[in-house]
Protein backbone atom coordinates (compact mmCIF):
# COMPACT_ATOMS: atom_id res chain seq x y z
CA MET A 1 18.50 92.08 -40.22
CA LYS A 2 17.61 95.28 -38.34
CA VAL A 3 16.88 95.14 -34.63
CA LEU A 4 15.81 97.71 -32.03
CA LEU A 5 17.90 97.30 -28.90
CA ILE A 6 15.83 97.14 -25.71
CA LYS A 7 18.82 96.84 -23.37
CA ASP A 8 22.45 97.94 -23.68
CA VAL A 9 24.58 95.33 -25.44
CA LYS A 10 28.28 95.72 -24.68
CA SER A 11 29.82 95.38 -28.14
CA LEU A 12 26.79 96.50 -30.15
CA GLY A 13 25.11 99.63 -28.78
CA LYS A 14 22.81 101.27 -26.27
CA ALA A 15 19.11 100.75 -25.65
CA GLY A 16 16.87 102.52 -28.17
CA GLU A 17 19.30 102.26 -31.08
CA VAL A 18 18.46 100.47 -34.34
CA LYS A 19 21.33 98.25 -35.50
CA GLU A 20 22.00 96.06 -38.51
CA VAL A 21 23.10 92.57 -37.38
CA LYS A 22 23.45 89.15 -38.93
CA PRO A 23 20.15 87.22 -38.93
CA GLY A 24 21.42 84.35 -36.77
CA TYR A 25 22.86 86.69 -34.12
CA GLY A 26 19.70 88.81 -34.13
CA GLN A 27 17.22 85.95 -33.98
CA ASN A 28 19.04 83.40 -31.85
CA PHE A 29 20.74 85.68 -29.34
CA LEU A 30 19.45 89.24 -29.20
CA ILE A 31 15.72 88.61 -29.65
CA LYS A 32 15.67 85.26 -27.85
CA LYS A 33 17.46 86.65 -24.77
CA GLY A 34 15.28 89.79 -24.69
CA PHE A 35 18.01 92.28 -25.65
CA ALA A 36 16.26 93.41 -28.84
CA LYS A 37 13.10 93.32 -30.95
CA PRO A 38 12.84 93.14 -34.74
CA ALA A 39 12.97 96.70 -36.12
CA THR A 40 9.57 96.84 -37.78
CA PRO A 41 7.94 100.27 -38.29
CA GLU A 42 5.24 99.41 -35.70
CA ILE A 43 7.76 98.45 -33.00
CA ILE A 44 9.89 101.54 -33.68
CA ALA A 45 6.82 103.81 -33.48
CA GLU A 46 5.71 102.07 -30.28
CA HIS A 47 9.18 102.52 -28.77
CA GLU A 48 9.26 106.24 -29.69
CA ALA A 49 5.79 106.77 -28.16
CA GLU A 50 6.89 104.98 -24.97
CA THR A 51 10.06 107.09 -24.77
CA LYS A 52 8.06 110.29 -25.23
CA ARG A 53 5.55 109.24 -22.56
CA LYS A 54 8.37 108.51 -20.09
CA GLU A 55 9.96 111.92 -20.76
CA GLU A 56 6.62 113.67 -20.13
CA GLU A 57 6.10 111.71 -16.89
CA GLU A 58 9.61 112.65 -15.76
CA LYS A 59 8.97 116.34 -16.51
CA ALA A 60 5.73 116.21 -14.52
CA GLU A 61 7.51 114.47 -11.63
CA ILE A 62 10.28 117.09 -11.62
CA ALA A 63 7.71 119.92 -11.62
CA ARG A 64 5.86 118.27 -8.72
CA LEU A 65 9.08 117.84 -6.74
CA LYS A 66 10.07 121.49 -7.36
CA LYS A 67 6.71 122.65 -5.97
CA ILE A 68 7.22 120.46 -2.89
CA ALA A 69 10.76 121.82 -2.47
CA GLU A 70 9.47 125.42 -2.60
CA LYS A 71 6.84 124.61 0.05
CA LEU A 72 9.37 122.85 2.28
CA ASP A 73 11.79 125.79 2.12
CA LYS A 74 9.11 128.04 3.65
CA LEU A 75 7.75 125.62 6.26
CA GLU A 76 8.66 125.05 9.87
CA VAL A 77 8.01 121.81 11.71
CA VAL A 78 7.65 121.94 15.49
CA ILE A 79 8.54 118.82 17.48
CA THR A 80 8.13 118.62 21.24
CA LYS A 81 10.09 116.05 23.20
CA LYS A 82 10.79 115.29 26.86
CA VAL A 83 13.76 117.08 28.37
CA GLY A 84 15.86 116.01 31.32
CA ASN A 85 17.00 118.18 34.25
CA ASN A 86 20.18 119.19 32.43
CA GLY A 87 18.24 120.56 29.43
CA HIS A 88 19.08 117.75 26.99
CA LEU A 89 16.59 115.58 25.16
CA PHE A 90 15.85 112.02 26.17
CA GLY A 91 17.18 110.27 23.06
CA ALA A 92 17.33 111.96 19.69
CA ILE A 93 14.84 113.17 17.10
CA THR A 94 14.77 110.49 14.41
CA LYS A 95 14.19 110.96 10.69
CA GLU A 96 10.94 109.05 11.05
CA GLU A 97 9.70 111.50 13.72
CA VAL A 98 10.51 114.43 11.42
CA ALA A 99 8.68 112.79 8.49
CA ASN A 100 5.64 112.01 10.68
CA ALA A 101 5.55 115.56 12.09
CA LEU A 102 5.70 117.00 8.56
CA LYS A 103 2.79 114.76 7.53
CA GLU A 104 0.71 115.69 10.60
CA GLN A 105 1.37 119.43 10.61
CA HIS A 106 1.50 120.28 6.90
CA ASP A 107 0.07 117.19 5.14
CA ILE A 108 3.21 116.71 3.05
CA GLU A 109 4.40 113.14 2.86
CA ILE A 110 8.08 112.43 2.33
CA ASP A 111 10.11 109.29 2.78
CA LYS A 112 12.31 109.29 5.88
CA LYS A 113 15.19 108.21 3.62
CA ALA A 114 14.96 111.58 1.86
CA ILE A 115 16.38 113.29 4.96
CA THR A 116 20.11 113.22 4.32
CA ASP A 117 21.54 114.75 7.50
CA LYS A 118 23.97 112.31 9.11
CA THR A 119 23.87 113.86 12.58
CA ALA A 120 20.89 113.23 14.83
CA ILE A 121 19.09 116.11 16.49
CA LYS A 122 19.89 115.87 20.19
CA THR A 123 19.40 119.44 21.39
CA ILE A 124 16.55 121.89 21.83
CA GLY A 125 16.42 124.74 19.34
CA GLU A 126 16.15 125.35 15.63
CA HIS A 127 17.74 123.03 13.10
CA ASP A 128 17.83 123.01 9.28
CA LEU A 129 17.62 119.61 7.62
CA ASP A 130 18.59 118.86 4.03
CA LEU A 131 16.07 116.80 2.05
CA LYS A 132 16.98 114.97 -1.15
CA LEU A 133 13.73 114.64 -3.09
CA GLY A 134 15.09 113.00 -6.24
CA HIS A 135 16.08 114.10 -9.74
CA GLY A 136 18.76 116.31 -8.18
CA ILE A 137 16.21 118.43 -6.29
CA HIS A 138 17.09 119.41 -2.73
CA ALA A 139 15.09 121.29 -0.11
CA LYS A 140 15.74 122.70 3.35
CA LEU A 141 13.32 121.97 6.17
CA HIS A 142 13.36 124.13 9.27
CA VAL A 143 12.74 122.06 12.43
CA ASP A 144 12.06 123.70 15.79
CA VAL A 145 12.64 121.30 18.69
CA GLN A 146 10.91 122.31 21.89
CA GLY A 147 11.14 120.71 25.32
CA GLU A 148 8.19 119.76 27.48
């Protein structure tokens, strides 16, 4: 019996492979548990079309993220915050504040979790933040912190 693996099976193979298995193992374990489907021409064609569609979506997503990364590299976000007598900020600039300022000033929406800098911004001046957009694409965002 031939089956198309939907999920990785440890001793058999990886998802997307067509394998020859014994009928009892194929029917009673692999298909019943949702690890495989019978390898009919229709199911194989459907699986190939689905794989191709996912690849095209991923390419489009990567292209979109690269455009966003190029924009972010050229942009500057200005954040104003209260400053004490000694010239230091009250509190720190959070990732959420940076994401909101980017949305308000340049209409680019990113998740605050995409900002990967571990250190908080606690001083006035210019800072460069590293953004991890996904699919291995990184961008630099220039943040100018001004006191009021």
